[in-house]
PDB file of all heavy atoms in Angstrom:
ATOM      1  N   GLU A   1       0.823  -1.210   0.000  1.00  0.00           N
ATOM      2  CA  GLU A   1       0.000   0.000   0.000  1.00  0.00           C
ATOM      3  C   GLU A   1       0.853   1.255   0.000  1.00  0.00           C
ATOM      4  O   GLU A   1       0.424   2.318  -0.440  1.00  0.00           O
ATOM      5  CB  GLU A   1      -0.929   0.006   1.226  1.00  0.00           C
ATOM      6  CG  GLU A   1      -2.072  -0.982   1.115  1.00  0.00           C
ATOM      7  CD  GLU A   1      -3.044  -0.835   2.269  1.00  0.00           C
ATOM      8  OE1 GLU A   1      -3.109   0.274   2.831  1.00  0.00           O
ATOM      9  OE2 GLU A   1      -3.731  -1.807   2.606  1.00  0.00           O
ATOM     10  N   ARG A   2       2.082   1.117   0.485  1.00  0.00           N
ATOM     11  CA  ARG A   2       2.951   2.292   0.555  1.00  0.00           C
ATOM     12  C   ARG A   2       3.999   2.285  -0.558  1.00  0.00           C
ATOM     13  O   ARG A   2       4.924   3.083  -0.564  1.00  0.00           O
ATOM     14  CB  ARG A   2       3.642   2.341   1.917  1.00  0.00           C
ATOM     15  CG  ARG A   2       2.682   2.461   3.091  1.00  0.00           C
ATOM     16  CD  ARG A   2       3.423   2.574   4.403  1.00  0.00           C
ATOM     17  NE  ARG A   2       4.165   1.352   4.728  1.00  0.00           N
ATOM     18  CZ  ARG A   2       3.636   0.304   5.354  1.00  0.00           C
ATOM     19  NH1 ARG A   2       2.362   0.317   5.695  1.00  0.00           N
ATOM     20  NH2 ARG A   2       4.374  -0.759   5.622  1.00  0.00           N
ATOM     21  N   SER A   3       3.867   1.340  -1.502  1.00  0.00           N
ATOM     22  CA  SER A   3       4.870   1.198  -2.558  1.00  0.00           C
ATOM     23  C   SER A   3       4.279   1.593  -3.904  1.00  0.00           C
ATOM     24  O   SER A   3       3.076   1.489  -4.127  1.00  0.00           O
ATOM     25  CB  SER A   3       5.352  -0.256  -2.622  1.00  0.00           C
ATOM     26  OG  SER A   3       5.878  -0.660  -1.380  1.00  0.00           O
ATOM     27  N   PRO A   4       5.140   2.031  -4.839  1.00  0.00           N
ATOM     28  CA  PRO A   4       4.653   2.359  -6.177  1.00  0.00           C
ATOM     29  C   PRO A   4       4.415   1.089  -6.979  1.00  0.00           C
ATOM     30  O   PRO A   4       4.781  -0.006  -6.570  1.00  0.00           O
ATOM     31  CB  PRO A   4       5.803   3.185  -6.764  1.00  0.00           C
ATOM     32  CG  PRO A   4       7.020   2.655  -6.071  1.00  0.00           C
ATOM     33  CD  PRO A   4       6.577   2.308  -4.680  1.00  0.00           C
ATOM     34  N   SER A   5       3.827   1.238  -8.152  1.00  0.00           N
ATOM     35  CA  SER A   5       3.655   0.105  -9.048  1.00  0.00           C
ATOM     36  C   SER A   5       5.029  -0.383  -9.477  1.00  0.00           C
ATOM     37  O   SER A   5       5.930   0.411  -9.747  1.00  0.00           O
ATOM     38  CB  SER A   5       2.831   0.517 -10.274  1.00  0.00           C
ATOM     39  OG  SER A   5       1.550   0.956  -9.869  1.00  0.00           O
ATOM     40  N   ALA A   6       5.190  -1.709  -9.530  1.00  0.00           N
ATOM     41  CA  ALA A   6       6.499  -2.268  -9.889  1.00  0.00           C
ATOM     42  C   ALA A   6       6.334  -3.729 -10.256  1.00  0.00           C
ATOM     43  O   ALA A   6       5.277  -4.327 -10.070  1.00  0.00           O
ATOM     44  CB  ALA A   6       7.490  -2.118  -8.731  1.00  0.00           C
ATOM     45  N   THR A   7       7.422  -4.303 -10.807  1.00  0.00           N
ATOM     46  CA  THR A   7       7.454  -5.716 -11.146  1.00  0.00           C
ATOM     47  C   THR A   7       8.377  -6.429 -10.164  1.00  0.00           C
ATOM     48  O   THR A   7       9.533  -6.034  -9.961  1.00  0.00           O
ATOM     49  CB  THR A   7       7.966  -5.925 -12.587  1.00  0.00           C
ATOM     50  OG1 THR A   7       7.093  -5.238 -13.484  1.00  0.00           O
ATOM     51  CG2 THR A   7       7.989  -7.396 -12.951  1.00  0.00           C
ATOM     52  N   VAL A   8       7.857  -7.478  -9.501  1.00  0.00           N
ATOM     53  CA  VAL A   8       8.612  -8.212  -8.490  1.00  0.00           C
ATOM     54  C   VAL A   8       8.523  -9.699  -8.789  1.00  0.00           C
ATOM     55  O   VAL A   8       7.707 -10.151  -9.594  1.00  0.00           O
ATOM     56  CB  VAL A   8       8.070  -7.927  -7.066  1.00  0.00           C
ATOM     57  CG1 VAL A   8       8.231  -6.469  -6.702  1.00  0.00           C
ATOM     58  CG2 VAL A   8       6.609  -8.346  -6.971  1.00  0.00           C
ATOM     59  N   SER A   9       9.359 -10.470  -8.119  1.00  0.00           N
ATOM     60  CA  SER A   9       9.354 -11.921  -8.267  1.00  0.00           C
ATOM     61  C   SER A   9       8.584 -12.532  -7.105  1.00  0.00           C
ATOM     62  O   SER A   9       8.928 -12.316  -5.936  1.00  0.00           O
ATOM     63  CB  SER A   9      10.781 -12.470  -8.307  1.00  0.00           C
ATOM     64  OG  SER A   9      10.777 -13.872  -8.453  1.00  0.00           O
ATOM     65  N   LEU A  10       7.506 -13.283  -7.426  1.00  0.00           N
ATOM     66  CA  LEU A  10       6.675 -13.922  -6.408  1.00  0.00           C
ATOM     67  C   LEU A  10       6.451 -15.375  -6.781  1.00  0.00           C
ATOM     68  O   LEU A  10       6.525 -15.757  -7.953  1.00  0.00           O
ATOM     69  CB  LEU A  10       5.331 -13.203  -6.263  1.00  0.00           C
ATOM     70  CG  LEU A  10       5.341 -11.789  -5.703  1.00  0.00           C
ATOM     71  CD1 LEU A  10       3.946 -11.189  -5.767  1.00  0.00           C
ATOM     72  CD2 LEU A  10       5.854 -11.775  -4.267  1.00  0.00           C
ATOM     73  N   LYS A  11       6.136 -16.196  -5.772  1.00  0.00           N
ATOM     74  CA  LYS A  11       5.848 -17.597  -6.001  1.00  0.00           C
ATOM     75  C   LYS A  11       4.390 -17.893  -5.635  1.00  0.00           C
ATOM     76  O   LYS A  11       3.881 -17.395  -4.624  1.00  0.00           O
ATOM     77  CB  LYS A  11       6.801 -18.486  -5.177  1.00  0.00           C
ATOM     78  CG  LYS A  11       8.262 -18.382  -5.610  1.00  0.00           C
ATOM     79  CD  LYS A  11       9.132 -19.342  -4.842  1.00  0.00           C
ATOM     80  CE  LYS A  11      10.597 -19.214  -5.259  1.00  0.00           C
ATOM     81  NZ  LYS A  11      10.819 -19.595  -6.665  1.00  0.00           N
ATOM     82  N   PHE A  12       3.740 -18.692  -6.485  1.00  0.00           N
ATOM     83  CA  PHE A  12       2.340 -19.062  -6.271  1.00  0.00           C
ATOM     84  C   PHE A  12       2.182 -20.568  -6.406  1.00  0.00           C
ATOM     85  O   PHE A  12       2.970 -21.241  -7.096  1.00  0.00           O
ATOM     86  CB  PHE A  12       1.437 -18.363  -7.286  1.00  0.00           C
ATOM     87  CG  PHE A  12       1.440 -16.866  -7.176  1.00  0.00           C
ATOM     88  CD1 PHE A  12       2.310 -16.098  -7.942  1.00  0.00           C
ATOM     89  CD2 PHE A  12       0.586 -16.224  -6.296  1.00  0.00           C
ATOM     90  CE1 PHE A  12       2.322 -14.717  -7.841  1.00  0.00           C
ATOM     91  CE2 PHE A  12       0.595 -14.843  -6.185  1.00  0.00           C
ATOM     92  CZ  PHE A  12       1.459 -14.083  -6.958  1.00  0.00           C
ATOM     93  N   SER A  13       1.151 -21.088  -5.759  1.00  0.00           N
ATOM     94  CA  SER A  13       0.845 -22.520  -5.831  1.00  0.00           C
ATOM     95  C   SER A  13      -0.100 -22.768  -6.994  1.00  0.00           C
ATOM     96  O   SER A  13      -1.282 -22.413  -6.942  1.00  0.00           O
ATOM     97  CB  SER A  13       0.213 -22.998  -4.519  1.00  0.00           C
ATOM     98  OG  SER A  13       1.124 -22.841  -3.443  1.00  0.00           O
ATOM     99  N   SER A  14       0.400 -23.366  -8.050  1.00  0.00           N
ATOM    100  CA  SER A  14      -0.402 -23.648  -9.232  1.00  0.00           C
ATOM    101  C   SER A  14      -1.246 -24.898  -9.014  1.00  0.00           C
ATOM    102  O   SER A  14      -1.224 -25.513  -7.926  1.00  0.00           O
ATOM    103  CB  SER A  14       0.512 -23.839 -10.448  1.00  0.00           C
ATOM    104  OG  SER A  14       1.327 -22.700 -10.646  1.00  0.00           O
ATOM    105  N   LYS A  15      -1.992 -25.314 -10.065  1.00  0.00           N
ATOM    106  CA  LYS A  15      -2.805 -26.520  -9.973  1.00  0.00           C
ATOM    107  C   LYS A  15      -1.930 -27.723  -9.628  1.00  0.00           C
ATOM    108  O   LYS A  15      -0.815 -27.856 -10.117  1.00  0.00           O
ATOM    109  CB  LYS A  15      -3.520 -26.776 -11.311  1.00  0.00           C
ATOM    110  CG  LYS A  15      -4.749 -25.905 -11.514  1.00  0.00           C
ATOM    111  CD  LYS A  15      -5.627 -26.398 -12.626  1.00  0.00           C
ATOM    112  CE  LYS A  15      -4.934 -26.357 -13.981  1.00  0.00           C
ATOM    113  NZ  LYS A  15      -5.877 -26.685 -15.086  1.00  0.00           N
ATOM    114  N   GLY A  16      -2.439 -28.581  -8.769  1.00  0.00           N
ATOM    115  CA  GLY A  16      -1.678 -29.756  -8.352  1.00  0.00           C
ATOM    116  C   GLY A  16      -0.698 -29.473  -7.240  1.00  0.00           C
ATOM    117  O   GLY A  16       0.092 -30.343  -6.865  1.00  0.00           O
ATOM    118  N   GLY A  17      -0.725 -28.223  -6.704  1.00  0.00           N
ATOM    119  CA  GLY A  17       0.155 -27.887  -5.588  1.00  0.00           C
ATOM    120  C   GLY A  17       1.569 -27.574  -5.989  1.00  0.00           C
ATOM    121  O   GLY A  17       2.453 -27.471  -5.129  1.00  0.00           O
ATOM    122  N   ILE A  18       1.842 -27.418  -7.274  1.00  0.00           N
ATOM    123  CA  ILE A  18       3.192 -27.124  -7.749  1.00  0.00           C
ATOM    124  C   ILE A  18       3.489 -25.644  -7.537  1.00  0.00           C
ATOM    125  O   ILE A  18       2.694 -24.776  -7.906  1.00  0.00           O
ATOM    126  CB  ILE A  18       3.324 -27.486  -9.242  1.00  0.00           C
ATOM    127  CG1 ILE A  18       3.050 -28.973  -9.448  1.00  0.00           C
ATOM    128  CG2 ILE A  18       4.698 -27.102  -9.763  1.00  0.00           C
ATOM    129  CD1 ILE A  18       3.004 -29.378 -10.904  1.00  0.00           C
ATOM    130  N   THR A  19       4.620 -25.330  -6.940  1.00  0.00           N
ATOM    131  CA  THR A  19       5.014 -23.945  -6.719  1.00  0.00           C
ATOM    132  C   THR A  19       5.721 -23.417  -7.963  1.00  0.00           C
ATOM    133  O   THR A  19       6.672 -24.030  -8.457  1.00  0.00           O
ATOM    134  CB  THR A  19       5.941 -23.821  -5.511  1.00  0.00           C
ATOM    135  OG1 THR A  19       5.239 -24.252  -4.351  1.00  0.00           O
ATOM    136  CG2 THR A  19       6.383 -22.376  -5.313  1.00  0.00           C
ATOM    137  N   THR A  20       5.218 -22.279  -8.475  1.00  0.00           N
ATOM    138  CA  THR A  20       5.785 -21.678  -9.682  1.00  0.00           C
ATOM    139  C   THR A  20       6.126 -20.227  -9.399  1.00  0.00           C
ATOM    140  O   THR A  20       5.344 -19.485  -8.785  1.00  0.00           O
ATOM    141  CB  THR A  20       4.788 -21.744 -10.852  1.00  0.00           C
ATOM    142  OG1 THR A  20       4.385 -23.105 -11.041  1.00  0.00           O
ATOM    143  CG2 THR A  20       5.408 -21.204 -12.132  1.00  0.00           C
ATOM    144  N   GLY A  21       7.316 -19.809  -9.827  1.00  0.00           N
ATOM    145  CA  GLY A  21       7.722 -18.418  -9.662  1.00  0.00           C
ATOM    146  C   GLY A  21       7.316 -17.593 -10.869  1.00  0.00           C
ATOM    147  O   GLY A  21       7.384 -18.060 -12.004  1.00  0.00           O
ATOM    148  N   TYR A  22       6.845 -16.354 -10.624  1.00  0.00           N
ATOM    149  CA  TYR A  22       6.416 -15.474 -11.700  1.00  0.00           C
ATOM    150  C   TYR A  22       7.019 -14.083 -11.508  1.00  0.00           C
ATOM    151  O   TYR A  22       7.122 -13.585 -10.369  1.00  0.00           O
ATOM    152  CB  TYR A  22       4.883 -15.312 -11.707  1.00  0.00           C
ATOM    153  CG  TYR A  22       4.109 -16.518 -12.163  1.00  0.00           C
ATOM    154  CD1 TYR A  22       3.666 -17.449 -11.239  1.00  0.00           C
ATOM    155  CD2 TYR A  22       3.810 -16.709 -13.518  1.00  0.00           C
ATOM    156  CE1 TYR A  22       2.925 -18.551 -11.644  1.00  0.00           C
ATOM    157  CE2 TYR A  22       3.077 -17.810 -13.927  1.00  0.00           C
ATOM    158  CZ  TYR A  22       2.628 -18.729 -13.004  1.00  0.00           C
ATOM    159  OH  TYR A  22       1.913 -19.816 -13.412  1.00  0.00           O
ATOM    160  N   LEU A  23       7.403 -13.461 -12.641  1.00  0.00           N
ATOM    161  CA  LEU A  23       7.628 -12.021 -12.629  1.00  0.00           C
ATOM    162  C   LEU A  23       6.248 -11.375 -12.593  1.00  0.00           C
ATOM    163  O   LEU A  23       5.457 -11.537 -13.519  1.00  0.00           O
ATOM    164  CB  LEU A  23       8.391 -11.579 -13.875  1.00  0.00           C
ATOM    165  CG  LEU A  23       9.901 -11.804 -13.874  1.00  0.00           C
ATOM    166  CD1 LEU A  23      10.483 -11.366 -15.213  1.00  0.00           C
ATOM    167  CD2 LEU A  23      10.552 -11.022 -12.741  1.00  0.00           C
ATOM    168  N   THR A  24       5.942 -10.701 -11.498  1.00  0.00           N
ATOM    169  CA  THR A  24       4.586 -10.212 -11.253  1.00  0.00           C
ATOM    170  C   THR A  24       4.564  -8.693 -11.240  1.00  0.00           C
ATOM    171  O   THR A  24       5.259  -8.066 -10.423  1.00  0.00           O
ATOM    172  CB  THR A  24       4.062 -10.740  -9.901  1.00  0.00           C
ATOM    173  OG1 THR A  24       4.204 -12.165  -9.887  1.00  0.00           O
ATOM    174  CG2 THR A  24       2.608 -10.359  -9.703  1.00  0.00           C
ATOM    175  N   HIS A  25       3.768  -8.115 -12.163  1.00  0.00           N
ATOM    176  CA  HIS A  25       3.605  -6.658 -12.172  1.00  0.00           C
ATOM    177  C   HIS A  25       2.383  -6.318 -11.330  1.00  0.00           C
ATOM    178  O   HIS A  25       1.280  -6.839 -11.542  1.00  0.00           O
ATOM    179  CB  HIS A  25       3.412  -6.149 -13.598  1.00  0.00           C
ATOM    180  CG  HIS A  25       3.293  -4.646 -13.670  1.00  0.00           C
ATOM    181  ND1 HIS A  25       4.378  -3.803 -13.558  1.00  0.00           N
ATOM    182  CD2 HIS A  25       2.216  -3.840 -13.810  1.00  0.00           C
ATOM    183  CE1 HIS A  25       3.984  -2.553 -13.645  1.00  0.00           C
ATOM    184  NE2 HIS A  25       2.668  -2.549 -13.806  1.00  0.00           N
ATOM    185  N   ILE A  26       2.570  -5.432 -10.348  1.00  0.00           N
ATOM    186  CA  ILE A  26       1.491  -5.066  -9.419  1.00  0.00           C
ATOM    187  C   ILE A  26       1.295  -3.556  -9.458  1.00  0.00           C
ATOM    188  O   ILE A  26       2.265  -2.792  -9.389  1.00  0.00           O
ATOM    189  CB  ILE A  26       1.826  -5.501  -7.977  1.00  0.00           C
ATOM    190  CG1 ILE A  26       2.167  -6.994  -7.939  1.00  0.00           C
ATOM    191  CG2 ILE A  26       0.657  -5.204  -7.040  1.00  0.00           C
ATOM    192  CD1 ILE A  26       2.670  -7.459  -6.590  1.00  0.00           C
ATOM    193  N   CYS A  27       0.058  -3.146  -9.588  1.00  0.00           N
ATOM    194  CA  CYS A  27      -0.261  -1.711  -9.494  1.00  0.00           C
ATOM    195  C   CYS A  27      -1.554  -1.557  -8.714  1.00  0.00           C
ATOM    196  O   CYS A  27      -2.386  -2.472  -8.656  1.00  0.00           O
ATOM    197  CB  CYS A  27      -0.380  -1.077 -10.881  1.00  0.00           C
ATOM    198  SG  CYS A  27      -1.691  -1.746 -11.894  1.00  0.00           S
ATOM    199  N   SER A  28      -1.712  -0.424  -8.088  1.00  0.00           N
ATOM    200  CA  SER A  28      -2.919  -0.167  -7.290  1.00  0.00           C
ATOM    201  C   SER A  28      -3.970   0.518  -8.143  1.00  0.00           C
ATOM    202  O   SER A  28      -3.671   1.225  -9.096  1.00  0.00           O
ATOM    203  CB  SER A  28      -2.582   0.689  -6.069  1.00  0.00           C
ATOM    204  OG  SER A  28      -2.065   1.941  -6.487  1.00  0.00           O
ATOM    205  N   ALA A  29      -5.231   0.276  -7.796  1.00  0.00           N
ATOM    206  CA  ALA A  29      -6.361   0.900  -8.486  1.00  0.00           C
ATOM    207  C   ALA A  29      -7.463   1.117  -7.466  1.00  0.00           C
ATOM    208  O   ALA A  29      -7.538   0.412  -6.458  1.00  0.00           O
ATOM    209  CB  ALA A  29      -6.856   0.012  -9.630  1.00  0.00           C
ATOM    210  N   THR A  30      -8.310   2.100  -7.696  1.00  0.00           N
ATOM    211  CA  THR A  30      -9.376   2.425  -6.753  1.00  0.00           C
ATOM    212  C   THR A  30     -10.732   2.222  -7.399  1.00  0.00           C
ATOM    213  O   THR A  30     -11.014   2.758  -8.464  1.00  0.00           O
ATOM    214  CB  THR A  30      -9.260   3.880  -6.261  1.00  0.00           C
ATOM    215  OG1 THR A  30      -8.003   4.050  -5.631  1.00  0.00           O
ATOM    216  CG2 THR A  30     -10.369   4.194  -5.256  1.00  0.00           C
ATOM    217  N   TRP A  31     -11.563   1.397  -6.778  1.00  0.00           N
ATOM    218  CA  TRP A  31     -12.964   1.231  -7.183  1.00  0.00           C
ATOM    219  C   TRP A  31     -13.827   1.616  -5.996  1.00  0.00           C
ATOM    220  O   TRP A  31     -13.659   1.081  -4.896  1.00  0.00           O
ATOM    221  CB  TRP A  31     -13.252  -0.210  -7.585  1.00  0.00           C
ATOM    222  CG  TRP A  31     -12.963  -0.510  -9.017  1.00  0.00           C
ATOM    223  CD1 TRP A  31     -13.786  -0.351 -10.077  1.00  0.00           C
ATOM    224  CD2 TRP A  31     -11.739  -1.025  -9.545  1.00  0.00           C
ATOM    225  NE1 TRP A  31     -13.160  -0.732 -11.240  1.00  0.00           N
ATOM    226  CE2 TRP A  31     -11.913  -1.148 -10.940  1.00  0.00           C
ATOM    227  CE3 TRP A  31     -10.528  -1.387  -8.986  1.00  0.00           C
ATOM    228  CZ2 TRP A  31     -10.919  -1.627 -11.768  1.00  0.00           C
ATOM    229  CZ3 TRP A  31      -9.531  -1.865  -9.803  1.00  0.00           C
ATOM    230  CH2 TRP A  31      -9.730  -1.978 -11.179  1.00  0.00           C
ATOM    231  N   GLY A  32     -14.768   2.550  -6.224  1.00  0.00           N
ATOM    232  CA  GLY A  32     -15.576   3.032  -5.107  1.00  0.00           C
ATOM    233  C   GLY A  32     -14.688   3.745  -4.108  1.00  0.00           C
ATOM    234  O   GLY A  32     -13.917   4.626  -4.442  1.00  0.00           O
ATOM    235  N   GLN A  33     -14.777   3.347  -2.857  1.00  0.00           N
ATOM    236  CA  GLN A  33     -13.987   3.970  -1.795  1.00  0.00           C
ATOM    237  C   GLN A  33     -12.821   3.086  -1.358  1.00  0.00           C
ATOM    238  O   GLN A  33     -12.126   3.397  -0.395  1.00  0.00           O
ATOM    239  CB  GLN A  33     -14.900   4.255  -0.587  1.00  0.00           C
ATOM    240  CG  GLN A  33     -16.084   5.152  -0.904  1.00  0.00           C
ATOM    241  CD  GLN A  33     -15.638   6.529  -1.360  1.00  0.00           C
ATOM    242  OE1 GLN A  33     -14.715   7.109  -0.803  1.00  0.00           O
ATOM    243  NE2 GLN A  33     -16.298   7.058  -2.379  1.00  0.00           N
ATOM    244  N   GLN A  34     -12.596   1.960  -2.049  1.00  0.00           N
ATOM    245  CA  GLN A  34     -11.611   0.993  -1.576  1.00  0.00           C
ATOM    246  C   GLN A  34     -10.478   0.826  -2.578  1.00  0.00           C
ATOM    247  O   GLN A  34     -10.697   0.829  -3.788  1.00  0.00           O
ATOM    248  CB  GLN A  34     -12.297  -0.357  -1.343  1.00  0.00           C
ATOM    249  CG  GLN A  34     -11.428  -1.366  -0.597  1.00  0.00           C
ATOM    250  CD  GLN A  34     -12.179  -2.661  -0.333  1.00  0.00           C
ATOM    251  OE1 GLN A  34     -13.102  -2.988  -1.046  1.00  0.00           O
ATOM    252  NE2 GLN A  34     -11.770  -3.386   0.698  1.00  0.00           N
ATOM    253  N   LYS A  35      -9.272   0.646  -2.042  1.00  0.00           N
ATOM    254  CA  LYS A  35      -8.116   0.403  -2.901  1.00  0.00           C
ATOM    255  C   LYS A  35      -8.065  -1.067  -3.276  1.00  0.00           C
ATOM    256  O   LYS A  35      -8.370  -1.953  -2.482  1.00  0.00           O
ATOM    257  CB  LYS A  35      -6.832   0.807  -2.182  1.00  0.00           C
ATOM    258  CG  LYS A  35      -5.573   0.587  -3.026  1.00  0.00           C
ATOM    259  CD  LYS A  35      -4.319   1.003  -2.286  1.00  0.00           C
ATOM    260  CE  LYS A  35      -4.188   2.512  -2.221  1.00  0.00           C
ATOM    261  NZ  LYS A  35      -2.896   2.950  -1.654  1.00  0.00           N
ATOM    262  N   HIS A  36      -7.697  -1.327  -4.543  1.00  0.00           N
ATOM    263  CA  HIS A  36      -7.510  -2.681  -5.031  1.00  0.00           C
ATOM    264  C   HIS A  36      -6.135  -2.782  -5.685  1.00  0.00           C
ATOM    265  O   HIS A  36      -5.497  -1.768  -5.978  1.00  0.00           O
ATOM    266  CB  HIS A  36      -8.604  -3.048  -6.044  1.00  0.00           C
ATOM    267  CG  HIS A  36      -9.971  -3.192  -5.450  1.00  0.00           C
ATOM    268  ND1 HIS A  36     -10.697  -2.117  -4.975  1.00  0.00           N
ATOM    269  CD2 HIS A  36     -10.747  -4.292  -5.262  1.00  0.00           C
ATOM    270  CE1 HIS A  36     -11.856  -2.555  -4.512  1.00  0.00           C
ATOM    271  NE2 HIS A  36     -11.915  -3.864  -4.682  1.00  0.00           N
ATOM    272  N   PHE A  37      -5.690  -4.013  -5.924  1.00  0.00           N
ATOM    273  CA  PHE A  37      -4.386  -4.263  -6.538  1.00  0.00           C
ATOM    274  C   PHE A  37      -4.563  -5.196  -7.725  1.00  0.00           C
ATOM    275  O   PHE A  37      -5.236  -6.228  -7.616  1.00  0.00           O
ATOM    276  CB  PHE A  37      -3.426  -4.876  -5.518  1.00  0.00           C
ATOM    277  CG  PHE A  37      -3.300  -4.065  -4.258  1.00  0.00           C
ATOM    278  CD1 PHE A  37      -4.117  -4.317  -3.168  1.00  0.00           C
ATOM    279  CD2 PHE A  37      -2.391  -3.020  -4.184  1.00  0.00           C
ATOM    280  CE1 PHE A  37      -4.022  -3.569  -2.015  1.00  0.00           C
ATOM    281  CE2 PHE A  37      -2.285  -2.263  -3.033  1.00  0.00           C
ATOM    282  CZ  PHE A  37      -3.100  -2.528  -1.942  1.00  0.00           C
ATOM    283  N   VAL A  38      -3.961  -4.814  -8.841  1.00  0.00           N
ATOM    284  CA  VAL A  38      -3.995  -5.644 -10.037  1.00  0.00           C
ATOM    285  C   VAL A  38      -2.684  -6.436 -10.107  1.00  0.00           C
ATOM    286  O   VAL A  38      -1.602  -5.859 -10.158  1.00  0.00           O
ATOM    287  CB  VAL A  38      -4.167  -4.787 -11.307  1.00  0.00           C
ATOM    288  CG1 VAL A  38      -4.165  -5.679 -12.552  1.00  0.00           C
ATOM    289  CG2 VAL A  38      -5.462  -3.981 -11.235  1.00  0.00           C
ATOM    290  N   PHE A  39      -2.786  -7.767 -10.074  1.00  0.00           N
ATOM    291  CA  PHE A  39      -1.640  -8.670 -10.200  1.00  0.00           C
ATOM    292  C   PHE A  39      -1.603  -9.210 -11.625  1.00  0.00           C
ATOM    293  O   PHE A  39      -2.585  -9.784 -12.104  1.00  0.00           O
ATOM    294  CB  PHE A  39      -1.770  -9.852  -9.231  1.00  0.00           C
ATOM    295  CG  PHE A  39      -1.409  -9.546  -7.802  1.00  0.00           C
ATOM    296  CD1 PHE A  39      -2.177  -8.673  -7.042  1.00  0.00           C
ATOM    297  CD2 PHE A  39      -0.295 -10.128  -7.210  1.00  0.00           C
ATOM    298  CE1 PHE A  39      -1.863  -8.399  -5.724  1.00  0.00           C
ATOM    299  CE2 PHE A  39       0.040  -9.860  -5.891  1.00  0.00           C
ATOM    300  CZ  PHE A  39      -0.736  -8.994  -5.146  1.00  0.00           C
ATOM    301  N   GLN A  40      -0.476  -9.025 -12.312  1.00  0.00           N
ATOM    302  CA  GLN A  40      -0.286  -9.592 -13.641  1.00  0.00           C
ATOM    303  C   GLN A  40       0.973 -10.463 -13.623  1.00  0.00           C
ATOM    304  O   GLN A  40       2.069  -9.957 -13.399  1.00  0.00           O
ATOM    305  CB  GLN A  40      -0.146  -8.489 -14.685  1.00  0.00           C
ATOM    306  CG  GLN A  40      -1.381  -7.595 -14.785  1.00  0.00           C
ATOM    307  CD  GLN A  40      -1.193  -6.543 -15.843  1.00  0.00           C
ATOM    308  OE1 GLN A  40      -1.187  -6.866 -17.030  1.00  0.00           O
ATOM    309  NE2 GLN A  40      -1.027  -5.303 -15.433  1.00  0.00           N
ATOM    310  N   LEU A  41       0.783 -11.761 -13.856  1.00  0.00           N
ATOM    311  CA  LEU A  41       1.871 -12.719 -13.813  1.00  0.00           C
ATOM    312  C   LEU A  41       2.446 -12.833 -15.221  1.00  0.00           C
ATOM    313  O   LEU A  41       1.979 -13.617 -16.053  1.00  0.00           O
ATOM    314  CB  LEU A  41       1.376 -14.079 -13.303  1.00  0.00           C
ATOM    315  CG  LEU A  41       1.156 -14.196 -11.779  1.00  0.00           C
ATOM    316  CD1 LEU A  41       0.267 -13.093 -11.232  1.00  0.00           C
ATOM    317  CD2 LEU A  41       0.583 -15.552 -11.424  1.00  0.00           C
ATOM    318  N   LEU A  42       3.487 -12.013 -15.508  1.00  0.00           N
ATOM    319  CA  LEU A  42       3.934 -11.799 -16.881  1.00  0.00           C
ATOM    320  C   LEU A  42       4.836 -12.903 -17.414  1.00  0.00           C
ATOM    321  O   LEU A  42       4.829 -13.189 -18.609  1.00  0.00           O
ATOM    322  CB  LEU A  42       4.665 -10.453 -16.968  1.00  0.00           C
ATOM    323  CG  LEU A  42       3.815  -9.217 -16.613  1.00  0.00           C
ATOM    324  CD1 LEU A  42       4.672  -7.966 -16.686  1.00  0.00           C
ATOM    325  CD2 LEU A  42       2.625  -9.101 -17.535  1.00  0.00           C
ATOM    326  N   ALA A  43       5.652 -13.534 -16.589  1.00  0.00           N
ATOM    327  CA  ALA A  43       6.561 -14.575 -17.075  1.00  0.00           C
ATOM    328  C   ALA A  43       7.003 -15.441 -15.914  1.00  0.00           C
ATOM    329  O   ALA A  43       7.132 -14.975 -14.775  1.00  0.00           O
ATOM    330  CB  ALA A  43       7.778 -13.954 -17.763  1.00  0.00           C
ATOM    331  N   GLU A  44       7.215 -16.738 -16.202  1.00  0.00           N
ATOM    332  CA  GLU A  44       7.697 -17.646 -15.171  1.00  0.00           C
ATOM    333  C   GLU A  44       9.191 -17.410 -14.947  1.00  0.00           C
ATOM    334  O   GLU A  44       9.986 -17.385 -15.894  1.00  0.00           O
ATOM    335  CB  GLU A  44       7.465 -19.099 -15.598  1.00  0.00           C
ATOM    336  CG  GLU A  44       5.990 -19.460 -15.704  1.00  0.00           C
ATOM    337  CD  GLU A  44       5.782 -20.921 -16.029  1.00  0.00           C
ATOM    338  OE1 GLU A  44       6.752 -21.698 -15.868  1.00  0.00           O
ATOM    339  OE2 GLU A  44       4.661 -21.279 -16.434  1.00  0.00           O
TER     340      GLU A  44
END
């Protein structure tokens, strides 16, 4: 919440419980009165 939009490396549990690392672009967006975050998993 205190960081700018950026691309970071994160790991997620894919189907079958397999852990996969992704270059993840995250940016904040506001709908209504609440802040939201858009996660885009651009590359493994």
